[in-house]
Amino acid sequence: MTQTRWAVDGPDGTSLELGGRKFSSNDEGAPMMCNLICSSIGRHVHIDYCCTVQGNRWDGAEVRHINARMTPNPDRPKDVITHGLYWRRMGIRSVYPR
């Protein structure tokens, strides 16, 4: 998770506590391993940069485009993706099926 940033839904300053640590939007994901977070957080989604083909948004069963700007990199479009798709994109078999 060295290149991961947190996105926490809610007003600025909203945080999420996991394993005794608080995470807020734009915090680095490095302090914990992905599988520990995914197994402790319960049902959740991941946010990834938008994958578009010639400017067409890709919405489907596992992907929904986010219209709102959000950190990090608020000018770069993002998608909400399922946990399973996130792990497939990483090239890793999911450690916590969703």
N, C-alpha and C. Protein backbone atom coordinates (compact mmCIF):
# COMPACT_ATOMS: atom_id res chain seq x y z
N MET A 1 0.82 -1.19 0.00
CA MET A 1 0.00 0.00 0.00
C MET A 1 0.87 1.25 0.00
N THR A 2 2.08 1.14 -0.43
CA THR A 2 2.99 2.28 -0.39
C THR A 2 2.55 3.40 -1.31
N GLN A 3 1.77 3.09 -2.35
CA GLN A 3 1.31 4.13 -3.27
C GLN A 3 -0.16 4.43 -3.09
N THR A 4 -0.75 3.94 -2.02
CA THR A 4 -2.17 4.10 -1.76
C THR A 4 -2.43 5.34 -0.90
N ARG A 5 -3.53 6.01 -1.18
CA ARG A 5 -4.00 7.13 -0.37
C ARG A 5 -5.42 6.81 0.07
N TRP A 6 -5.78 7.26 1.25
CA TRP A 6 -7.11 7.04 1.79
C TRP A 6 -8.09 8.05 1.22
N ALA A 7 -9.33 7.61 1.04
CA ALA A 7 -10.46 8.48 0.72
C ALA A 7 -11.55 8.10 1.71
N VAL A 8 -11.86 9.00 2.63
CA VAL A 8 -12.87 8.74 3.66
C VAL A 8 -14.06 9.65 3.38
N ASP A 9 -15.24 9.04 3.21
CA ASP A 9 -16.44 9.79 2.89
C ASP A 9 -16.88 10.61 4.10
N GLY A 10 -17.22 11.85 3.84
CA GLY A 10 -17.72 12.73 4.90
C GLY A 10 -17.08 14.10 4.80
N PRO A 11 -17.47 14.99 5.69
CA PRO A 11 -16.89 16.34 5.66
C PRO A 11 -15.39 16.30 5.93
N ASP A 12 -14.69 17.37 5.56
CA ASP A 12 -13.26 17.45 5.83
C ASP A 12 -12.98 17.14 7.29
N GLY A 13 -11.95 16.38 7.53
CA GLY A 13 -11.59 16.02 8.89
C GLY A 13 -12.19 14.71 9.37
N THR A 14 -13.08 14.11 8.57
CA THR A 14 -13.67 12.83 8.94
C THR A 14 -12.58 11.76 8.90
N SER A 15 -12.56 10.91 9.91
CA SER A 15 -11.56 9.85 9.95
C SER A 15 -12.22 8.50 10.23
N LEU A 16 -11.44 7.46 10.00
CA LEU A 16 -11.88 6.08 10.20
C LEU A 16 -10.82 5.41 11.06
N GLU A 17 -11.24 4.72 12.11
CA GLU A 17 -10.27 4.04 12.98
C GLU A 17 -10.24 2.56 12.69
N LEU A 18 -9.06 2.05 12.42
CA LEU A 18 -8.84 0.63 12.16
C LEU A 18 -7.60 0.17 12.90
N GLY A 19 -7.72 -0.88 13.66
CA GLY A 19 -6.57 -1.43 14.36
C GLY A 19 -5.88 -0.43 15.26
N GLY A 20 -6.66 0.48 15.86
CA GLY A 20 -6.08 1.46 16.75
C GLY A 20 -5.44 2.66 16.06
N ARG A 21 -5.53 2.72 14.74
CA ARG A 21 -4.97 3.85 13.99
C ARG A 21 -6.11 4.60 13.31
N LYS A 22 -6.00 5.92 13.24
CA LYS A 22 -6.99 6.74 12.56
C LYS A 22 -6.47 7.09 11.17
N PHE A 23 -7.36 6.97 10.19
CA PHE A 23 -7.04 7.32 8.81
C PHE A 23 -8.01 8.38 8.33
N SER A 24 -7.51 9.39 7.64
CA SER A 24 -8.32 10.45 7.05
C SER A 24 -8.00 10.53 5.57
N SER A 25 -8.84 11.23 4.81
CA SER A 25 -8.60 11.38 3.38
C SER A 25 -7.21 11.92 3.12
N ASN A 26 -6.57 11.34 2.13
CA ASN A 26 -5.24 11.69 1.64
C ASN A 26 -4.11 11.19 2.53
N ASP A 27 -4.41 10.46 3.62
CA ASP A 27 -3.35 9.83 4.40
C ASP A 27 -2.71 8.72 3.56
N GLU A 28 -1.44 8.45 3.81
CA GLU A 28 -0.76 7.36 3.12
C GLU A 28 -1.28 6.03 3.61
N GLY A 29 -1.33 5.05 2.72
CA GLY A 29 -1.81 3.72 3.08
C GLY A 29 -0.72 2.80 3.58
N ALA A 30 0.52 3.25 3.59
CA ALA A 30 1.66 2.39 3.93
C ALA A 30 1.64 1.79 5.33
N PRO A 31 1.06 2.42 6.36
CA PRO A 31 1.19 1.86 7.71
C PRO A 31 0.58 0.47 7.91
N MET A 32 -0.33 0.03 7.07
CA MET A 32 -0.95 -1.28 7.25
C MET A 32 -0.92 -2.06 5.95
N MET A 33 -0.97 -3.37 6.05
CA MET A 33 -1.00 -4.21 4.86
C MET A 33 -2.43 -4.31 4.35
N CYS A 34 -2.59 -4.35 3.02
CA CYS A 34 -3.91 -4.39 2.39
C CYS A 34 -4.81 -5.46 2.97
N ASN A 35 -4.30 -6.69 3.09
CA ASN A 35 -5.16 -7.77 3.55
C ASN A 35 -5.66 -7.55 4.97
N LEU A 36 -4.86 -6.90 5.82
CA LEU A 36 -5.32 -6.61 7.19
C LEU A 36 -6.43 -5.57 7.19
N ILE A 37 -6.29 -4.57 6.35
CA ILE A 37 -7.32 -3.54 6.27
C ILE A 37 -8.61 -4.12 5.70
N CYS A 38 -8.50 -4.82 4.58
CA CYS A 38 -9.69 -5.35 3.93
C CYS A 38 -10.44 -6.33 4.82
N SER A 39 -9.72 -7.12 5.60
CA SER A 39 -10.40 -8.08 6.47
C SER A 39 -10.98 -7.41 7.72
N SER A 40 -10.41 -6.28 8.15
CA SER A 40 -10.92 -5.63 9.36
C SER A 40 -12.01 -4.60 9.09
N ILE A 41 -12.07 -4.10 7.87
CA ILE A 41 -13.00 -3.00 7.57
C ILE A 41 -14.41 -3.49 7.27
N GLY A 42 -14.58 -4.75 6.92
CA GLY A 42 -15.90 -5.24 6.54
C GLY A 42 -16.21 -4.87 5.09
N ARG A 43 -17.47 -4.83 4.77
CA ARG A 43 -17.87 -4.56 3.39
C ARG A 43 -17.43 -3.16 2.98
N HIS A 44 -16.77 -3.06 1.82
CA HIS A 44 -16.23 -1.79 1.38
C HIS A 44 -15.98 -1.81 -0.12
N VAL A 45 -15.65 -0.66 -0.64
CA VAL A 45 -15.26 -0.52 -2.05
C VAL A 45 -13.89 0.13 -2.09
N HIS A 46 -13.31 0.13 -3.27
CA HIS A 46 -12.04 0.80 -3.49
C HIS A 46 -12.24 1.91 -4.50
N ILE A 47 -11.38 2.89 -4.48
CA ILE A 47 -11.42 3.98 -5.44
C ILE A 47 -10.16 3.90 -6.28
N ASP A 48 -10.34 3.98 -7.59
CA ASP A 48 -9.21 3.90 -8.51
C ASP A 48 -9.37 5.00 -9.54
N TYR A 49 -8.29 5.34 -10.19
CA TYR A 49 -8.38 6.33 -11.25
C TYR A 49 -9.23 5.77 -12.38
N CYS A 50 -9.97 6.64 -13.01
CA CYS A 50 -10.91 6.29 -14.06
C CYS A 50 -10.19 5.64 -15.24
N CYS A 51 -10.70 4.51 -15.68
CA CYS A 51 -10.18 3.85 -16.88
C CYS A 51 -11.16 4.15 -18.01
N THR A 52 -10.74 5.00 -18.92
CA THR A 52 -11.63 5.38 -20.01
C THR A 52 -11.03 4.96 -21.35
N VAL A 53 -11.91 4.76 -22.31
CA VAL A 53 -11.50 4.46 -23.67
C VAL A 53 -12.03 5.58 -24.54
N GLN A 54 -11.15 6.36 -25.11
CA GLN A 54 -11.51 7.51 -25.96
C GLN A 54 -12.53 8.42 -25.26
N GLY A 55 -12.32 8.66 -23.99
CA GLY A 55 -13.17 9.59 -23.26
C GLY A 55 -14.51 9.03 -22.81
N ASN A 56 -14.81 7.76 -23.11
CA ASN A 56 -16.07 7.15 -22.68
C ASN A 56 -15.88 6.55 -21.30
N ARG A 57 -16.77 6.88 -20.38
CA ARG A 57 -16.69 6.33 -19.03
C ARG A 57 -17.08 4.86 -19.05
N TRP A 58 -16.46 4.12 -18.17
CA TRP A 58 -16.74 2.69 -18.06
C TRP A 58 -17.53 2.45 -16.80
N ASP A 59 -18.86 2.30 -16.91
CA ASP A 59 -19.71 1.95 -15.78
C ASP A 59 -20.23 0.55 -16.01
N GLY A 60 -20.30 -0.23 -14.96
CA GLY A 60 -20.79 -1.59 -15.07
C GLY A 60 -21.08 -2.15 -13.70
N ALA A 61 -21.17 -3.48 -13.63
CA ALA A 61 -21.51 -4.14 -12.38
C ALA A 61 -20.44 -3.93 -11.31
N GLU A 62 -19.20 -3.74 -11.71
CA GLU A 62 -18.11 -3.60 -10.75
C GLU A 62 -17.48 -2.21 -10.72
N VAL A 63 -18.00 -1.31 -11.56
CA VAL A 63 -17.41 0.03 -11.68
C VAL A 63 -18.50 1.08 -11.76
N ARG A 64 -18.34 2.15 -11.00
CA ARG A 64 -19.22 3.32 -11.09
C ARG A 64 -18.34 4.56 -11.09
N HIS A 65 -18.60 5.45 -12.04
CA HIS A 65 -17.83 6.68 -12.12
C HIS A 65 -18.22 7.62 -10.99
N ILE A 66 -17.25 8.33 -10.44
CA ILE A 66 -17.50 9.32 -9.39
C ILE A 66 -17.50 10.69 -10.04
N ASN A 67 -18.59 11.40 -9.95
CA ASN A 67 -18.68 12.73 -10.55
C ASN A 67 -18.01 13.80 -9.70
N ALA A 68 -17.97 13.58 -8.39
CA ALA A 68 -17.38 14.57 -7.49
C ALA A 68 -15.86 14.54 -7.57
N ARG A 69 -15.27 15.70 -7.35
CA ARG A 69 -13.81 15.78 -7.26
C ARG A 69 -13.40 15.32 -5.87
N MET A 70 -12.33 14.56 -5.79
CA MET A 70 -11.87 14.10 -4.49
C MET A 70 -10.37 13.93 -4.47
N THR A 71 -9.79 14.05 -3.27
CA THR A 71 -8.35 13.89 -3.12
C THR A 71 -8.02 12.41 -3.07
N PRO A 72 -6.81 12.04 -3.40
CA PRO A 72 -5.73 12.87 -3.93
C PRO A 72 -5.96 13.18 -5.40
N ASN A 73 -5.26 14.13 -5.90
CA ASN A 73 -5.34 14.55 -7.30
C ASN A 73 -6.78 14.84 -7.72
N PRO A 74 -7.42 15.86 -7.17
CA PRO A 74 -8.83 16.12 -7.45
C PRO A 74 -9.15 16.38 -8.92
N ASP A 75 -8.17 16.75 -9.72
CA ASP A 75 -8.43 16.99 -11.15
C ASP A 75 -8.42 15.71 -11.98
N ARG A 76 -8.03 14.61 -11.38
CA ARG A 76 -8.00 13.34 -12.10
C ARG A 76 -9.26 12.54 -11.78
N PRO A 77 -10.07 12.18 -12.81
CA PRO A 77 -11.33 11.46 -12.58
C PRO A 77 -11.10 10.11 -11.90
N LYS A 78 -12.09 9.70 -11.09
CA LYS A 78 -11.98 8.45 -10.35
C LYS A 78 -13.25 7.61 -10.48
N ASP A 79 -13.09 6.33 -10.20
CA ASP A 79 -14.19 5.37 -10.19
C ASP A 79 -14.23 4.67 -8.85
N VAL A 80 -15.44 4.27 -8.43
CA VAL A 80 -15.60 3.35 -7.31
C VAL A 80 -15.60 1.97 -7.94
N ILE A 81 -14.76 1.08 -7.42
CA ILE A 81 -14.69 -0.28 -7.96
C ILE A 81 -14.87 -1.29 -6.83
N THR A 82 -15.31 -2.48 -7.19
CA THR A 82 -15.49 -3.52 -6.19
C THR A 82 -14.14 -3.98 -5.66
N HIS A 83 -14.20 -4.56 -4.50
CA HIS A 83 -13.00 -5.10 -3.88
C HIS A 83 -12.34 -6.14 -4.80
N GLY A 84 -13.16 -7.02 -5.38
CA GLY A 84 -12.62 -8.06 -6.26
C GLY A 84 -11.92 -7.49 -7.49
N LEU A 85 -12.51 -6.48 -8.11
CA LEU A 85 -11.89 -5.86 -9.28
C LEU A 85 -10.59 -5.17 -8.91
N TYR A 86 -10.56 -4.53 -7.75
CA TYR A 86 -9.34 -3.89 -7.29
C TYR A 86 -8.19 -4.90 -7.24
N TRP A 87 -8.44 -6.04 -6.62
CA TRP A 87 -7.40 -7.05 -6.49
C TRP A 87 -7.03 -7.65 -7.84
N ARG A 88 -7.99 -7.83 -8.74
CA ARG A 88 -7.66 -8.34 -10.08
C ARG A 88 -6.78 -7.35 -10.83
N ARG A 89 -7.10 -6.05 -10.72
CA ARG A 89 -6.27 -5.04 -11.37
C ARG A 89 -4.84 -5.05 -10.82
N MET A 90 -4.71 -5.39 -9.56
CA MET A 90 -3.39 -5.46 -8.94
C MET A 90 -2.65 -6.74 -9.35
N GLY A 91 -3.37 -7.67 -9.99
CA GLY A 91 -2.76 -8.93 -10.40
C GLY A 91 -2.60 -9.91 -9.26
N ILE A 92 -3.44 -9.74 -8.22
CA ILE A 92 -3.35 -10.59 -7.03
C ILE A 92 -4.71 -11.22 -6.79
N ARG A 93 -4.71 -12.47 -6.43
CA ARG A 93 -5.97 -13.12 -6.06
C ARG A 93 -6.47 -12.49 -4.77
N SER A 94 -7.73 -12.18 -4.71
CA SER A 94 -8.30 -11.51 -3.54
C SER A 94 -8.06 -12.31 -2.27
N VAL A 95 -7.62 -11.60 -1.23
CA VAL A 95 -7.38 -12.25 0.06
C VAL A 95 -8.62 -12.20 0.93
N TYR A 96 -9.61 -11.42 0.52
CA TYR A 96 -10.83 -11.27 1.29
C TYR A 96 -11.96 -11.08 0.30
N PRO A 97 -12.61 -12.15 -0.13
CA PRO A 97 -13.59 -12.06 -1.22
C PRO A 97 -14.76 -11.14 -0.90
N ARG A 98 -15.20 -10.43 -1.91
CA ARG A 98 -16.35 -9.54 -1.82
C ARG A 98 -17.26 -9.85 -2.96
